[in-house]
Amino acid sequence: MKATIVGGGVIGVSWAGLMASHGWDVVVSDPAPGIEDAVRAGLAELTPTLRELGLSTDLTAVTFEADLARAVTDADVVQENGPERLDLKHRIWTTIEQHAPADALLLTSTSGLPATDIAVALKRPERLVVGHPFNPPHLVPLVEVVPGEKTSPEVVERAVEFYRGLGKKPIVLGKEVPGFVANRLQAAIFRECVHLVAEGVVTEQELDEVVTSSLGQRWAVSGPFLSFHLGGGPGGLPHFLEHLGPGLRKRWGQLGTPDLDEATVKLLSEQAEGFDGTVAELAKARDTAQIALMKALDR
């Protein structure tokens, strides 16, 4: 089976490594100069993670074709990871549809653009579905499968089967919403994080410690709804909402509404220097801990 990865950035490299580790022949298509060296370097960096996951680290099946039309000619799956520009995605998908096999599975990693808007460029819009991963795709299990208004149920089913075959946990959303689900939750939480740091309540490092020592651990085994369902005792979520809901609702009105203005960006950037290690070192430590957590939870 052959997969074409469109775009050789961070997400594209991660997809390429994961698919190759599962035995797929992978073609990376990206016209950027020096892209092959960059992708090869990225694949080398994620190889230890693949090994820890028990996956193949033979990534020799990853090849390169800058010409998009040639890259998709015999693809079984196309996973597009281009910039979040609708006009560019229209051009990319017009080319893909013209040259990919009629039965190829067409997937876009877009983090916010609806499949409905992207598929406007297609003669057969029912073929396209969003397969939005959580970074990095080779490691974090979630993939949000988001059909557009005209996406066929068969394509959704094929996408779910494909991602499960890669060891992912696909969740099909019932409707299109800006940013999908995971990114909306991330944005909501991060807004309050910025507010608390900007107000001097905690530092970035202290806030991260609060999350990883409480909510992060709790939500890793039971999400927000199940957590409150359990918090309601024998009466479950109905009891929780009846007795603790009013206080929770009051707290909603007390949440901050920060702005990423010049002063706030300066403060956040300065505090980020307090993280112990380079970005590469911190990413490696994160991946090691993430794998240990996934193994412990059998995820």
Protein backbone atom coordinates (compact mmCIF):
# COMPACT_ATOMS: atom_id res chain seq x y z
CA MET A 1 0.00 0.00 0.00
CA LYS A 2 1.21 3.48 -0.84
CA ALA A 3 0.61 6.73 1.03
CA THR A 4 1.46 10.18 -0.24
CA ILE A 5 2.26 12.78 2.39
CA VAL A 6 1.75 16.30 1.07
CA GLY A 7 3.91 18.72 3.06
CA GLY A 8 7.17 17.84 4.78
CA GLY A 9 6.82 19.92 7.93
CA VAL A 10 6.57 18.63 11.50
CA ILE A 11 3.17 16.97 10.98
CA GLY A 12 4.14 15.52 7.61
CA VAL A 13 7.35 14.01 8.98
CA SER A 14 5.46 12.47 11.88
CA TRP A 15 2.82 10.94 9.60
CA ALA A 16 5.50 9.66 7.23
CA GLY A 17 7.40 7.93 10.02
CA LEU A 18 4.27 6.38 11.49
CA MET A 19 2.97 5.07 8.17
CA ALA A 20 6.36 3.72 7.11
CA SER A 21 6.69 1.98 10.48
CA HIS A 22 3.42 0.19 9.74
CA GLY A 23 4.69 -1.12 6.42
CA TRP A 24 3.36 1.51 4.03
CA ASP A 25 5.39 2.79 1.10
CA VAL A 26 5.46 6.53 1.71
CA VAL A 27 6.10 9.34 -0.76
CA VAL A 28 6.66 12.83 0.63
CA SER A 29 5.76 15.65 -1.74
CA ASP A 30 6.98 19.13 -0.93
CA PRO A 31 8.61 21.58 -3.37
CA ALA A 32 10.67 23.35 -0.69
CA PRO A 33 14.45 23.35 -1.32
CA GLY A 34 16.36 20.89 0.84
CA ILE A 35 13.18 19.16 1.95
CA GLU A 36 14.62 15.64 1.68
CA ASP A 37 17.47 16.42 4.08
CA ALA A 38 15.06 18.09 6.50
CA VAL A 39 12.61 15.19 6.45
CA ARG A 40 15.38 12.59 6.81
CA ALA A 41 16.69 14.48 9.84
CA GLY A 42 13.19 14.60 11.30
CA LEU A 43 12.69 10.88 10.75
CA ALA A 44 15.98 10.15 12.48
CA GLU A 45 14.82 12.15 15.52
CA LEU A 46 11.57 10.21 15.91
CA THR A 47 13.10 6.76 15.31
CA PRO A 48 13.83 6.13 19.03
CA THR A 49 10.18 6.90 19.81
CA LEU A 50 8.98 4.41 17.20
CA ARG A 51 11.31 1.81 18.72
CA GLU A 52 9.87 2.46 22.18
CA LEU A 53 6.38 1.95 20.76
CA GLY A 54 7.43 -1.43 19.40
CA LEU A 55 7.17 -0.29 15.79
CA SER A 56 9.55 -0.86 12.91
CA THR A 57 12.34 1.67 12.60
CA ASP A 58 13.10 0.74 9.00
CA LEU A 59 12.04 3.94 7.26
CA THR A 60 13.78 3.26 3.96
CA ALA A 61 10.34 3.05 2.32
CA VAL A 62 10.07 6.86 2.56
CA THR A 63 10.85 8.45 -0.81
CA PHE A 64 10.44 11.91 -2.27
CA GLU A 65 8.67 13.44 -5.27
CA ALA A 66 8.44 17.22 -5.49
CA ASP A 67 5.92 17.13 -8.33
CA LEU A 68 2.53 16.66 -6.65
CA ALA A 69 0.82 15.22 -9.74
CA ARG A 70 3.41 12.45 -10.02
CA ALA A 71 3.49 11.88 -6.27
CA VAL A 72 -0.21 10.94 -6.04
CA THR A 73 -0.53 9.01 -9.31
CA ASP A 74 -0.72 5.58 -7.66
CA ALA A 75 -1.50 6.54 -4.07
CA ASP A 76 -3.94 4.52 -1.98
CA VAL A 77 -4.05 7.28 0.65
CA VAL A 78 -3.22 10.98 0.47
CA GLN A 79 -2.65 12.84 3.75
CA GLU A 80 -2.32 16.57 3.09
CA ASN A 81 -0.51 18.78 5.63
CA GLY A 82 -0.15 22.08 3.81
CA PRO A 83 -0.33 25.60 5.28
CA GLU A 84 -3.65 26.77 6.72
CA ARG A 85 -4.51 28.85 3.66
CA LEU A 86 -7.74 28.03 1.90
CA ASP A 87 -6.58 29.27 -1.51
CA LEU A 88 -3.46 27.10 -1.33
CA LYS A 89 -5.41 24.06 -0.20
CA HIS A 90 -7.78 24.57 -3.14
CA ARG A 91 -4.84 24.47 -5.55
CA ILE A 92 -3.34 21.44 -3.85
CA TRP A 93 -6.56 19.46 -3.83
CA THR A 94 -7.45 20.35 -7.40
CA THR A 95 -4.16 18.77 -8.48
CA ILE A 96 -4.60 15.77 -6.20
CA GLU A 97 -8.09 15.02 -7.50
CA GLN A 98 -6.97 15.29 -11.10
CA HIS A 99 -4.09 12.84 -10.72
CA ALA A 100 -4.82 10.47 -7.80
CA PRO A 101 -6.68 7.19 -8.38
CA ALA A 102 -10.45 7.50 -8.26
CA ASP A 103 -10.63 5.28 -5.17
CA ALA A 104 -7.78 6.88 -3.21
CA LEU A 105 -8.64 7.94 0.34
CA LEU A 106 -8.30 11.73 0.56
CA LEU A 107 -7.43 13.14 3.99
CA THR A 108 -6.46 16.59 5.23
CA SER A 109 -4.65 17.32 8.49
CA THR A 110 -6.03 20.86 8.66
CA SER A 111 -6.30 22.11 12.23
CA GLY A 112 -9.27 24.36 11.66
CA LEU A 113 -10.52 24.68 8.09
CA PRO A 114 -13.76 22.74 7.48
CA ALA A 115 -13.74 19.96 4.91
CA THR A 116 -16.79 21.63 3.39
CA ASP A 117 -14.78 24.76 2.54
CA ILE A 118 -11.76 22.84 1.23
CA ALA A 119 -13.88 20.46 -0.86
CA VAL A 120 -15.37 23.35 -2.83
CA ALA A 121 -12.40 22.91 -5.15
CA LEU A 122 -13.26 19.27 -5.86
CA LYS A 123 -15.52 17.85 -8.53
CA ARG A 124 -16.31 15.04 -6.10
CA PRO A 125 -16.41 16.74 -2.67
CA GLU A 126 -17.77 13.56 -1.11
CA ARG A 127 -14.24 12.11 -1.27
CA LEU A 128 -12.59 14.51 1.21
CA VAL A 129 -12.58 14.20 4.99
CA VAL A 130 -10.57 15.89 7.73
CA GLY A 131 -8.18 13.63 9.64
CA HIS A 132 -6.84 16.07 12.23
CA PRO A 133 -4.10 14.62 14.45
CA PHE A 134 -2.87 15.88 17.78
CA ASN A 135 0.83 16.70 17.56
CA PRO A 136 2.93 14.63 17.21
CA PRO A 137 0.79 12.18 15.16
CA HIS A 138 3.24 9.28 15.50
CA LEU A 139 2.83 9.44 19.26
CA VAL A 140 -0.45 10.99 20.48
CA PRO A 141 -3.36 8.61 19.77
CA LEU A 142 -6.16 11.03 18.87
CA VAL A 143 -7.28 11.73 15.31
CA GLU A 144 -10.40 13.86 14.83
CA VAL A 145 -12.28 12.63 11.76
CA VAL A 146 -14.51 15.48 10.61
CA PRO A 147 -16.74 14.97 7.57
CA GLY A 148 -17.86 17.89 5.47
CA GLU A 149 -21.44 18.51 4.38
CA LYS A 150 -20.94 16.28 1.32
CA THR A 151 -18.45 13.73 2.66
CA SER A 152 -19.81 10.23 2.04
CA PRO A 153 -20.34 7.87 5.01
CA GLU A 154 -18.19 5.30 3.19
CA VAL A 155 -15.22 7.69 3.16
CA VAL A 156 -15.66 8.36 6.88
CA GLU A 157 -15.72 4.62 7.57
CA ARG A 158 -12.61 4.07 5.46
CA ALA A 159 -10.80 6.89 7.26
CA VAL A 160 -11.63 5.44 10.67
CA GLU A 161 -10.43 2.00 9.57
CA PHE A 162 -7.22 3.47 8.14
CA TYR A 163 -6.32 5.39 11.30
CA ARG A 164 -7.14 2.43 13.54
CA GLY A 165 -4.75 0.39 11.41
CA LEU A 166 -2.04 2.88 12.39
CA GLY A 167 -2.83 2.38 16.07
CA LYS A 168 -4.67 5.70 16.38
CA LYS A 169 -7.91 6.48 18.21
CA PRO A 170 -10.17 8.18 15.64
CA ILE A 171 -13.17 10.13 16.92
CA VAL A 172 -15.83 11.10 14.35
CA LEU A 173 -17.31 14.55 15.09
CA GLY A 174 -21.05 14.99 14.63
CA LYS A 175 -20.70 18.39 12.99
CA GLU A 176 -18.10 20.87 11.77
CA VAL A 177 -17.05 23.52 14.28
CA PRO A 178 -14.10 25.93 13.99
CA GLY A 179 -10.98 24.34 15.46
CA PHE A 180 -12.78 21.01 15.98
CA VAL A 181 -12.78 19.72 19.60
CA ALA A 182 -9.26 19.22 20.96
CA ASN A 183 -7.97 22.59 19.77
CA ARG A 184 -11.04 24.38 21.13
CA LEU A 185 -10.44 22.83 24.54
CA GLN A 186 -6.75 23.70 24.31
CA ALA A 187 -7.58 27.31 23.40
CA ALA A 188 -10.07 27.68 26.25
CA ILE A 189 -7.67 26.32 28.85
CA PHE A 190 -4.69 28.25 27.51
CA ARG A 191 -6.65 31.51 27.68
CA GLU A 192 -7.05 31.09 31.43
CA CYS A 193 -3.40 29.97 31.71
CA VAL A 194 -2.28 33.21 30.07
CA HIS A 195 -4.60 35.22 32.32
CA LEU A 196 -3.23 33.64 35.52
CA VAL A 197 0.40 34.14 34.48
CA ALA A 198 -0.18 37.69 33.23
CA GLU A 199 -1.88 38.58 36.52
CA GLY A 200 1.08 37.26 38.50
CA VAL A 201 -0.89 34.50 40.20
CA VAL A 202 1.64 31.84 39.10
CA THR A 203 4.61 31.52 36.77
CA GLU A 204 4.47 29.40 33.63
CA GLN A 205 6.44 26.66 35.31
CA GLU A 206 4.21 26.70 38.40
CA LEU A 207 1.08 26.59 36.30
CA ASP A 208 2.41 23.60 34.36
CA GLU A 209 3.14 21.88 37.66
CA VAL A 210 -0.44 22.52 38.79
CA VAL A 211 -1.78 20.92 35.61
CA THR A 212 0.55 17.91 35.50
CA SER A 213 0.06 17.24 39.23
CA SER A 214 -3.74 17.42 39.15
CA LEU A 215 -5.94 17.86 36.08
CA GLY A 216 -3.47 16.30 33.67
CA GLN A 217 -3.23 13.12 35.71
CA ARG A 218 -6.97 12.99 36.34
CA TRP A 219 -7.97 13.59 32.72
CA ALA A 220 -5.49 10.99 31.47
CA VAL A 221 -7.72 8.29 32.98
CA SER A 222 -11.15 9.96 33.13
CA GLY A 223 -12.12 12.99 31.06
CA PRO A 224 -13.91 16.10 32.36
CA PHE A 225 -17.42 14.64 32.21
CA LEU A 226 -16.54 11.30 33.80
CA SER A 227 -14.50 13.11 36.44
CA PHE A 228 -17.49 15.21 37.48
CA HIS A 229 -19.78 12.19 37.18
CA LEU A 230 -17.57 10.46 39.72
CA GLY A 231 -17.35 13.68 41.74
CA GLY A 232 -21.11 13.54 42.24
CA GLY A 233 -20.84 10.40 44.33
CA PRO A 234 -23.62 7.78 44.03
CA GLY A 235 -25.84 10.39 42.38
CA GLY A 236 -23.33 10.91 39.58
CA LEU A 237 -23.34 13.91 37.26
CA PRO A 238 -26.96 14.96 38.00
CA HIS A 239 -26.09 15.28 41.70
CA PHE A 240 -22.86 17.14 40.89
CA LEU A 241 -24.65 19.64 38.64
CA GLU A 242 -27.41 20.23 41.18
CA HIS A 243 -25.11 20.87 44.13
CA LEU A 244 -21.87 22.14 42.58
CA GLY A 245 -23.15 23.47 39.28
CA PRO A 246 -24.10 26.94 40.61
CA GLY A 247 -20.56 27.51 41.91
CA LEU A 248 -19.09 26.29 38.65
CA ARG A 249 -21.36 28.60 36.69
CA LYS A 250 -20.31 31.53 38.90
CA ARG A 251 -16.66 30.69 38.22
CA TRP A 252 -17.27 30.87 34.46
CA GLY A 253 -18.04 34.54 34.91
CA GLN A 254 -14.78 35.06 36.81
CA LEU A 255 -12.48 33.66 34.13
CA GLY A 256 -10.03 36.01 32.49
CA THR A 257 -10.10 37.46 28.99
CA PRO A 258 -6.42 38.18 28.29
CA ASP A 259 -4.98 39.52 25.07
CA LEU A 260 -1.73 38.54 23.40
CA ASP A 261 -0.60 42.14 23.25
CA GLU A 262 3.04 43.20 23.16
CA ALA A 263 3.48 43.27 26.94
CA THR A 264 1.86 39.86 27.46
CA VAL A 265 3.88 38.23 24.68
CA LYS A 266 7.05 39.71 26.17
CA LEU A 267 6.20 38.34 29.61
CA LEU A 268 5.34 34.87 28.31
CA SER A 269 8.48 34.75 26.18
CA GLU A 270 10.72 35.78 29.07
CA GLN A 271 9.22 33.19 31.41
CA ALA A 272 9.62 30.47 28.78
CA GLU A 273 13.37 30.86 29.22
CA GLY A 274 12.87 29.30 32.64
CA PHE A 275 12.15 25.85 31.26
CA ASP A 276 15.09 23.59 32.08
CA GLY A 277 16.61 22.54 28.75
CA THR A 278 16.59 23.21 25.04
CA VAL A 279 13.45 22.65 23.01
CA ALA A 280 14.93 19.43 21.62
CA GLU A 281 15.84 18.17 25.10
CA LEU A 282 12.42 19.04 26.51
CA ALA A 283 10.67 17.36 23.56
CA LYS A 284 12.68 14.19 24.11
CA ALA A 285 11.78 14.15 27.80
CA ARG A 286 8.13 14.78 26.95
CA ASP A 287 8.05 11.90 24.45
CA THR A 288 9.67 9.53 26.94
CA ALA A 289 7.12 10.41 29.60
CA GLN A 290 4.25 10.25 27.09
CA ILE A 291 5.24 6.73 26.03
CA ALA A 292 5.51 5.60 29.66
CA LEU A 293 2.03 7.00 30.35
CA MET A 294 0.54 5.36 27.26
CA LYS A 295 2.05 2.00 28.23
CA ALA A 296 0.77 2.34 31.80
CA LEU A 297 -2.72 3.13 30.54
CA ASP A 298 -2.52 0.56 27.73
CA ARG A 299 -3.39 3.29 25.21
